[in-house]
PDB file of N, CA and C in Angstrom:
ATOM      1  N   UNK A   1      -9.077   2.691 -21.406  1.00  0.00           N
ATOM      2  CA  UNK A   1      -8.094   1.777 -20.869  1.00  0.00           C
ATOM      3  C   UNK A   1      -6.839   2.527 -20.429  1.00  0.00           C
ATOM      4  N   UNK A   2      -6.386   3.448 -21.252  1.00  0.00           N
ATOM      5  CA  UNK A   2      -5.190   4.210 -20.933  1.00  0.00           C
ATOM      6  C   UNK A   2      -5.413   5.098 -19.710  1.00  0.00           C
ATOM      7  N   UNK A   3      -6.640   5.588 -19.557  1.00  0.00           N
ATOM      8  CA  UNK A   3      -6.975   6.427 -18.412  1.00  0.00           C
ATOM      9  C   UNK A   3      -6.837   5.641 -17.104  1.00  0.00           C
ATOM     10  N   UNK A   4      -7.303   4.392 -17.073  1.00  0.00           N
ATOM     11  CA  UNK A   4      -7.192   3.565 -15.866  1.00  0.00           C
ATOM     12  C   UNK A   4      -5.744   3.199 -15.579  1.00  0.00           C
ATOM     13  N   UNK A   5      -4.964   2.935 -16.608  1.00  0.00           N
ATOM     14  CA  UNK A   5      -3.552   2.619 -16.425  1.00  0.00           C
ATOM     15  C   UNK A   5      -2.813   3.806 -15.829  1.00  0.00           C
ATOM     16  N   UNK A   6      -3.097   4.999 -16.338  1.00  0.00           N
ATOM     17  CA  UNK A   6      -2.478   6.207 -15.807  1.00  0.00           C
ATOM     18  C   UNK A   6      -2.883   6.447 -14.356  1.00  0.00           C
ATOM     19  N   UNK A   7      -4.153   6.249 -14.047  1.00  0.00           N
ATOM     20  CA  UNK A   7      -4.644   6.432 -12.686  1.00  0.00           C
ATOM     21  C   UNK A   7      -3.990   5.439 -11.731  1.00  0.00           C
ATOM     22  N   UNK A   8      -3.867   4.199 -12.131  1.00  0.00           N
ATOM     23  CA  UNK A   8      -3.231   3.175 -11.291  1.00  0.00           C
ATOM     24  C   UNK A   8      -1.761   3.498 -11.069  1.00  0.00           C
ATOM     25  N   UNK A   9      -1.066   3.900 -12.115  1.00  0.00           N
ATOM     26  CA  UNK A   9       0.336   4.265 -11.989  1.00  0.00           C
ATOM     27  C   UNK A   9       0.515   5.452 -11.051  1.00  0.00           C
ATOM     28  N   UNK A  10      -0.334   6.446 -11.184  1.00  0.00           N
ATOM     29  CA  UNK A  10      -0.262   7.619 -10.322  1.00  0.00           C
ATOM     30  C   UNK A  10      -0.540   7.250  -8.859  1.00  0.00           C
ATOM     31  N   UNK A  11      -1.523   6.387  -8.630  1.00  0.00           N
ATOM     32  CA  UNK A  11      -1.839   5.956  -7.266  1.00  0.00           C
ATOM     33  C   UNK A  11      -0.677   5.179  -6.656  1.00  0.00           C
ATOM     34  N   UNK A  12      -0.031   4.319  -7.434  1.00  0.00           N
ATOM     35  CA  UNK A  12       1.126   3.575  -6.921  1.00  0.00           C
ATOM     36  C   UNK A  12       2.278   4.502  -6.559  1.00  0.00           C
ATOM     37  N   UNK A  13       2.507   5.520  -7.365  1.00  0.00           N
ATOM     38  CA  UNK A  13       3.574   6.474  -7.077  1.00  0.00           C
ATOM     39  C   UNK A  13       3.268   7.248  -5.801  1.00  0.00           C
ATOM     40  N   UNK A  14       2.035   7.720  -5.661  1.00  0.00           N
ATOM     41  CA  UNK A  14       1.648   8.488  -4.471  1.00  0.00           C
ATOM     42  C   UNK A  14       1.736   7.616  -3.219  1.00  0.00           C
ATOM     43  N   UNK A  15       1.254   6.381  -3.291  1.00  0.00           N
ATOM     44  CA  UNK A  15       1.312   5.498  -2.124  1.00  0.00           C
ATOM     45  C   UNK A  15       2.740   5.119  -1.756  1.00  0.00           C
ATOM     46  N   UNK A  16       3.598   4.926  -2.739  1.00  0.00           N
ATOM     47  CA  UNK A  16       4.984   4.586  -2.413  1.00  0.00           C
ATOM     48  C   UNK A  16       5.705   5.759  -1.756  1.00  0.00           C
ATOM     49  N   UNK A  17       5.359   6.972  -2.155  1.00  0.00           N
ATOM     50  CA  UNK A  17       5.952   8.149  -1.518  1.00  0.00           C
ATOM     51  C   UNK A  17       5.378   8.352  -0.116  1.00  0.00           C
ATOM     52  N   UNK A  18       4.092   8.086   0.056  1.00  0.00           N
ATOM     53  CA  UNK A  18       3.425   8.328   1.339  1.00  0.00           C
ATOM     54  C   UNK A  18       3.581   7.178   2.335  1.00  0.00           C
ATOM     55  N   UNK A  19       4.120   6.043   1.923  1.00  0.00           N
ATOM     56  CA  UNK A  19       4.189   4.877   2.804  1.00  0.00           C
ATOM     57  C   UNK A  19       4.979   5.128   4.100  1.00  0.00           C
ATOM     58  N   UNK A  20       6.135   5.815   4.087  1.00  0.00           N
ATOM     59  CA  UNK A  20       6.812   6.082   5.365  1.00  0.00           C
ATOM     60  C   UNK A  20       5.970   6.912   6.336  1.00  0.00           C
ATOM     61  N   UNK A  21       5.259   7.909   5.821  1.00  0.00           N
ATOM     62  CA  UNK A  21       4.408   8.727   6.686  1.00  0.00           C
ATOM     63  C   UNK A  21       3.230   7.913   7.204  1.00  0.00           C
ATOM     64  N   UNK A  22       2.646   7.071   6.350  1.00  0.00           N
ATOM     65  CA  UNK A  22       1.539   6.218   6.787  1.00  0.00           C
ATOM     66  C   UNK A  22       1.997   5.215   7.838  1.00  0.00           C
ATOM     67  N   UNK A  23       3.221   4.736   7.713  1.00  0.00           N
ATOM     68  CA  UNK A  23       3.748   3.783   8.687  1.00  0.00           C
ATOM     69  C   UNK A  23       3.895   4.440  10.055  1.00  0.00           C
ATOM     70  N   UNK A  24       4.352   5.689  10.065  1.00  0.00           N
ATOM     71  CA  UNK A  24       4.521   6.391  11.348  1.00  0.00           C
ATOM     72  C   UNK A  24       3.179   6.770  11.965  1.00  0.00           C
ATOM     73  N   UNK A  25       2.278   7.286  11.160  1.00  0.00           N
ATOM     74  CA  UNK A  25       1.018   7.806  11.680  1.00  0.00           C
ATOM     75  C   UNK A  25      -0.019   6.722  11.963  1.00  0.00           C
ATOM     76  N   UNK A  26      -0.194   5.786  11.031  1.00  0.00           N
ATOM     77  CA  UNK A  26      -1.280   4.815  11.141  1.00  0.00           C
ATOM     78  C   UNK A  26      -0.827   3.397  11.438  1.00  0.00           C
ATOM     79  N   UNK A  27       0.458   3.151  11.393  1.00  0.00           N
ATOM     80  CA  UNK A  27       0.927   1.790  11.616  1.00  0.00           C
ATOM     81  C   UNK A  27       0.813   0.911  10.390  1.00  0.00           C
ATOM     82  N   UNK A  28       0.555   1.512   9.231  1.00  0.00           N
ATOM     83  CA  UNK A  28       0.475   0.743   7.988  1.00  0.00           C
ATOM     84  C   UNK A  28       1.849   0.144   7.721  1.00  0.00           C
ATOM     85  N   UNK A  29       1.877  -1.128   7.418  1.00  0.00           N
ATOM     86  CA  UNK A  29       3.139  -1.817   7.182  1.00  0.00           C
ATOM     87  C   UNK A  29       3.593  -2.631   8.374  1.00  0.00           C
ATOM     88  N   UNK A  30       2.921  -2.489   9.494  1.00  0.00           N
ATOM     89  CA  UNK A  30       3.275  -3.245  10.689  1.00  0.00           C
ATOM     90  C   UNK A  30       2.091  -4.022  11.244  1.00  0.00           C
ATOM     91  N   UNK A  31       1.060  -4.222  10.442  1.00  0.00           N
ATOM     92  CA  UNK A  31      -0.095  -4.961  10.920  1.00  0.00           C
ATOM     93  C   UNK A  31       0.110  -6.446  10.621  1.00  0.00           C
ATOM     94  N   UNK A  32      -0.585  -7.322  11.350  1.00  0.00           N
ATOM     95  CA  UNK A  32      -0.421  -8.756  11.106  1.00  0.00           C
ATOM     96  C   UNK A  32      -0.782  -9.105   9.660  1.00  0.00           C
ATOM     97  N   UNK A  33       0.058  -9.850   9.025  1.00  0.00           N
ATOM     98  CA  UNK A  33      -0.146 -10.213   7.635  1.00  0.00           C
ATOM     99  C   UNK A  33       0.866  -9.560   6.717  1.00  0.00           C
ATOM    100  N   UNK A  34       1.569  -8.547   7.209  1.00  0.00           N
ATOM    101  CA  UNK A  34       2.663  -7.942   6.455  1.00  0.00           C
ATOM    102  C   UNK A  34       3.924  -8.740   6.761  1.00  0.00           C
ATOM    103  N   UNK A  35       4.647  -9.094   5.721  1.00  0.00           N
ATOM    104  CA  UNK A  35       5.816  -9.953   5.902  1.00  0.00           C
ATOM    105  C   UNK A  35       7.093  -9.206   5.569  1.00  0.00           C
ATOM    106  N   UNK A  36       8.118  -9.474   6.355  1.00  0.00           N
ATOM    107  CA  UNK A  36       9.426  -8.862   6.152  1.00  0.00           C
ATOM    108  C   UNK A  36      10.467  -9.988   6.203  1.00  0.00           C
ATOM    109  N   UNK A  37      11.248 -10.099   5.142  1.00  0.00           N
ATOM    110  CA  UNK A  37      12.268 -11.137   5.043  1.00  0.00           C
ATOM    111  C   UNK A  37      13.633 -10.496   4.852  1.00  0.00           C
ATOM    112  N   UNK A  38      14.677 -11.207   5.251  1.00  0.00           N
ATOM    113  CA  UNK A  38      16.038 -10.809   4.939  1.00  0.00           C
ATOM    114  C   UNK A  38      16.651 -11.927   4.115  1.00  0.00           C
ATOM    115  N   UNK A  39      16.957 -11.616   2.869  1.00  0.00           N
ATOM    116  CA  UNK A  39      17.525 -12.590   1.945  1.00  0.00           C
ATOM    117  C   UNK A  39      18.820 -12.016   1.386  1.00  0.00           C
ATOM    118  N   UNK A  40      19.903 -12.717   1.612  1.00  0.00           N
ATOM    119  CA  UNK A  40      21.222 -12.311   1.111  1.00  0.00           C
ATOM    120  C   UNK A  40      21.566 -10.880   1.526  1.00  0.00           C
ATOM    121  N   UNK A  41      21.217 -10.518   2.741  1.00  0.00           N
ATOM    122  CA  UNK A  41      21.544  -9.195   3.256  1.00  0.00           C
ATOM    123  C   UNK A  41      20.612  -8.085   2.816  1.00  0.00           C
ATOM    124  N   UNK A  42      19.562  -8.412   2.073  1.00  0.00           N
ATOM    125  CA  UNK A  42      18.601  -7.392   1.625  1.00  0.00           C
ATOM    126  C   UNK A  42      17.279  -7.622   2.319  1.00  0.00           C
ATOM    127  N   UNK A  43      16.662  -6.535   2.765  1.00  0.00           N
ATOM    128  CA  UNK A  43      15.343  -6.624   3.378  1.00  0.00           C
ATOM    129  C   UNK A  43      14.276  -6.603   2.290  1.00  0.00           C
ATOM    130  N   UNK A  44      13.390  -7.576   2.334  1.00  0.00           N
ATOM    131  CA  UNK A  44      12.275  -7.659   1.396  1.00  0.00           C
ATOM    132  C   UNK A  44      11.000  -7.508   2.206  1.00  0.00           C
ATOM    133  N   UNK A  45      10.161  -6.579   1.799  1.00  0.00           N
ATOM    134  CA  UNK A  45       8.939  -6.268   2.531  1.00  0.00           C
ATOM    135  C   UNK A  45       7.739  -6.545   1.647  1.00  0.00           C
ATOM    136  N   UNK A  46       6.820  -7.400   2.105  1.00  0.00           N
ATOM    137  CA  UNK A  46       5.596  -7.720   1.379  1.00  0.00           C
ATOM    138  C   UNK A  46       4.399  -7.263   2.208  1.00  0.00           C
ATOM    139  N   UNK A  47       3.834  -6.101   1.905  1.00  0.00           N
ATOM    140  CA  UNK A  47       2.715  -5.570   2.695  1.00  0.00           C
ATOM    141  C   UNK A  47       1.371  -6.133   2.241  1.00  0.00           C
ATOM    142  N   UNK A  48       1.138  -7.412   2.440  1.00  0.00           N
ATOM    143  CA  UNK A  48      -0.093  -8.041   1.970  1.00  0.00           C
ATOM    144  C   UNK A  48      -1.327  -7.507   2.695  1.00  0.00           C
ATOM    145  N   UNK A  49      -1.305  -7.505   4.002  1.00  0.00           N
ATOM    146  CA  UNK A  49      -2.468  -7.056   4.765  1.00  0.00           C
ATOM    147  C   UNK A  49      -2.689  -5.543   4.603  1.00  0.00           C
ATOM    148  N   UNK A  50      -1.620  -4.784   4.536  1.00  0.00           N
ATOM    149  CA  UNK A  50      -1.763  -3.335   4.333  1.00  0.00           C
ATOM    150  C   UNK A  50      -2.370  -3.030   2.975  1.00  0.00           C
ATOM    151  N   UNK A  51      -1.992  -3.805   1.959  1.00  0.00           N
ATOM    152  CA  UNK A  51      -2.558  -3.617   0.634  1.00  0.00           C
ATOM    153  C   UNK A  51      -4.048  -3.909   0.629  1.00  0.00           C
ATOM    154  N   UNK A  52      -4.443  -4.976   1.300  1.00  0.00           N
ATOM    155  CA  UNK A  52      -5.870  -5.292   1.391  1.00  0.00           C
ATOM    156  C   UNK A  52      -6.629  -4.211   2.147  1.00  0.00           C
ATOM    157  N   UNK A  53      -6.059  -3.721   3.227  1.00  0.00           N
ATOM    158  CA  UNK A  53      -6.703  -2.675   4.022  1.00  0.00           C
ATOM    159  C   UNK A  53      -6.858  -1.383   3.221  1.00  0.00           C
ATOM    160  N   UNK A  54      -5.798  -0.948   2.549  1.00  0.00           N
ATOM    161  CA  UNK A  54      -5.878   0.279   1.762  1.00  0.00           C
ATOM    162  C   UNK A  54      -6.811   0.108   0.567  1.00  0.00           C
ATOM    163  N   UNK A  55      -6.840  -1.080  -0.027  1.00  0.00           N
ATOM    164  CA  UNK A  55      -7.762  -1.350  -1.127  1.00  0.00           C
ATOM    165  C   UNK A  55      -9.215  -1.296  -0.678  1.00  0.00           C
ATOM    166  N   UNK A  56      -9.482  -1.837   0.507  1.00  0.00           N
ATOM    167  CA  UNK A  56     -10.834  -1.800   1.051  1.00  0.00           C
ATOM    168  C   UNK A  56     -11.268  -0.371   1.362  1.00  0.00           C
ATOM    169  N   UNK A  57     -10.375   0.413   1.912  1.00  0.00           N
ATOM    170  CA  UNK A  57     -10.690   1.815   2.205  1.00  0.00           C
ATOM    171  C   UNK A  57     -10.946   2.577   0.910  1.00  0.00           C
ATOM    172  N   UNK A  58     -10.137   2.333  -0.124  1.00  0.00           N
ATOM    173  CA  UNK A  58     -10.347   2.989  -1.411  1.00  0.00           C
ATOM    174  C   UNK A  58     -11.679   2.563  -2.024  1.00  0.00           C
ATOM    175  N   UNK A  59     -12.040   1.292  -1.874  1.00  0.00           N
ATOM    176  CA  UNK A  59     -13.318   0.808  -2.383  1.00  0.00           C
ATOM    177  C   UNK A  59     -14.482   1.495  -1.672  1.00  0.00           C
ATOM    178  N   UNK A  60     -14.372   1.642  -0.334  1.00  0.00           N
ATOM    179  CA  UNK A  60     -15.424   2.321   0.421  1.00  0.00           C
ATOM    180  C   UNK A  60     -15.578   3.771  -0.021  1.00  0.00           C
ATOM    181  N   UNK A  61     -14.466   4.440  -0.210  1.00  0.00           N
ATOM    182  CA  UNK A  61     -14.520   5.833  -0.657  1.00  0.00           C
ATOM    183  C   UNK A  61     -15.166   5.920  -2.035  1.00  0.00           C
ATOM    184  N   UNK A  62     -14.775   5.038  -2.935  1.00  0.00           N
ATOM    185  CA  UNK A  62     -15.353   5.041  -4.273  1.00  0.00           C
ATOM    186  C   UNK A  62     -16.816   4.643  -4.291  1.00  0.00           C
ATOM    187  N   UNK A  63     -17.213   3.790  -3.377  1.00  0.00           N
ATOM    188  CA  UNK A  63     -18.603   3.306  -3.336  1.00  0.00           C
ATOM    189  C   UNK A  63     -19.570   4.357  -2.793  1.00  0.00           C
ATOM    190  N   UNK A  64     -19.159   5.088  -1.782  1.00  0.00           N
ATOM    191  CA  UNK A  64     -20.079   5.994  -1.110  1.00  0.00           C
ATOM    192  C   UNK A  64     -19.914   7.460  -1.494  1.00  0.00           C
ATOM    193  N   UNK A  65     -18.886   7.811  -2.254  1.00  0.00           N
ATOM    194  CA  UNK A  65     -18.715   9.221  -2.644  1.00  0.00           C
ATOM    195  C   UNK A  65     -18.711   9.381  -4.123  1.00  0.00           C
TER     196      UNK A  65
END
């Protein structure tokens, strides 16, 4: 259980660091289904479709390799 928690935490850290580069190179974060709101002067970004896309790609990699 602790091994999966550590792996998930590490993946979240790596993806949060890599998100600006992924946005420039692949358009991740700007696909339909990603929502961006401005509330009280703060930008809130909900990457719903990008999360599903990256999860599906990770599933494919895990399934076939």
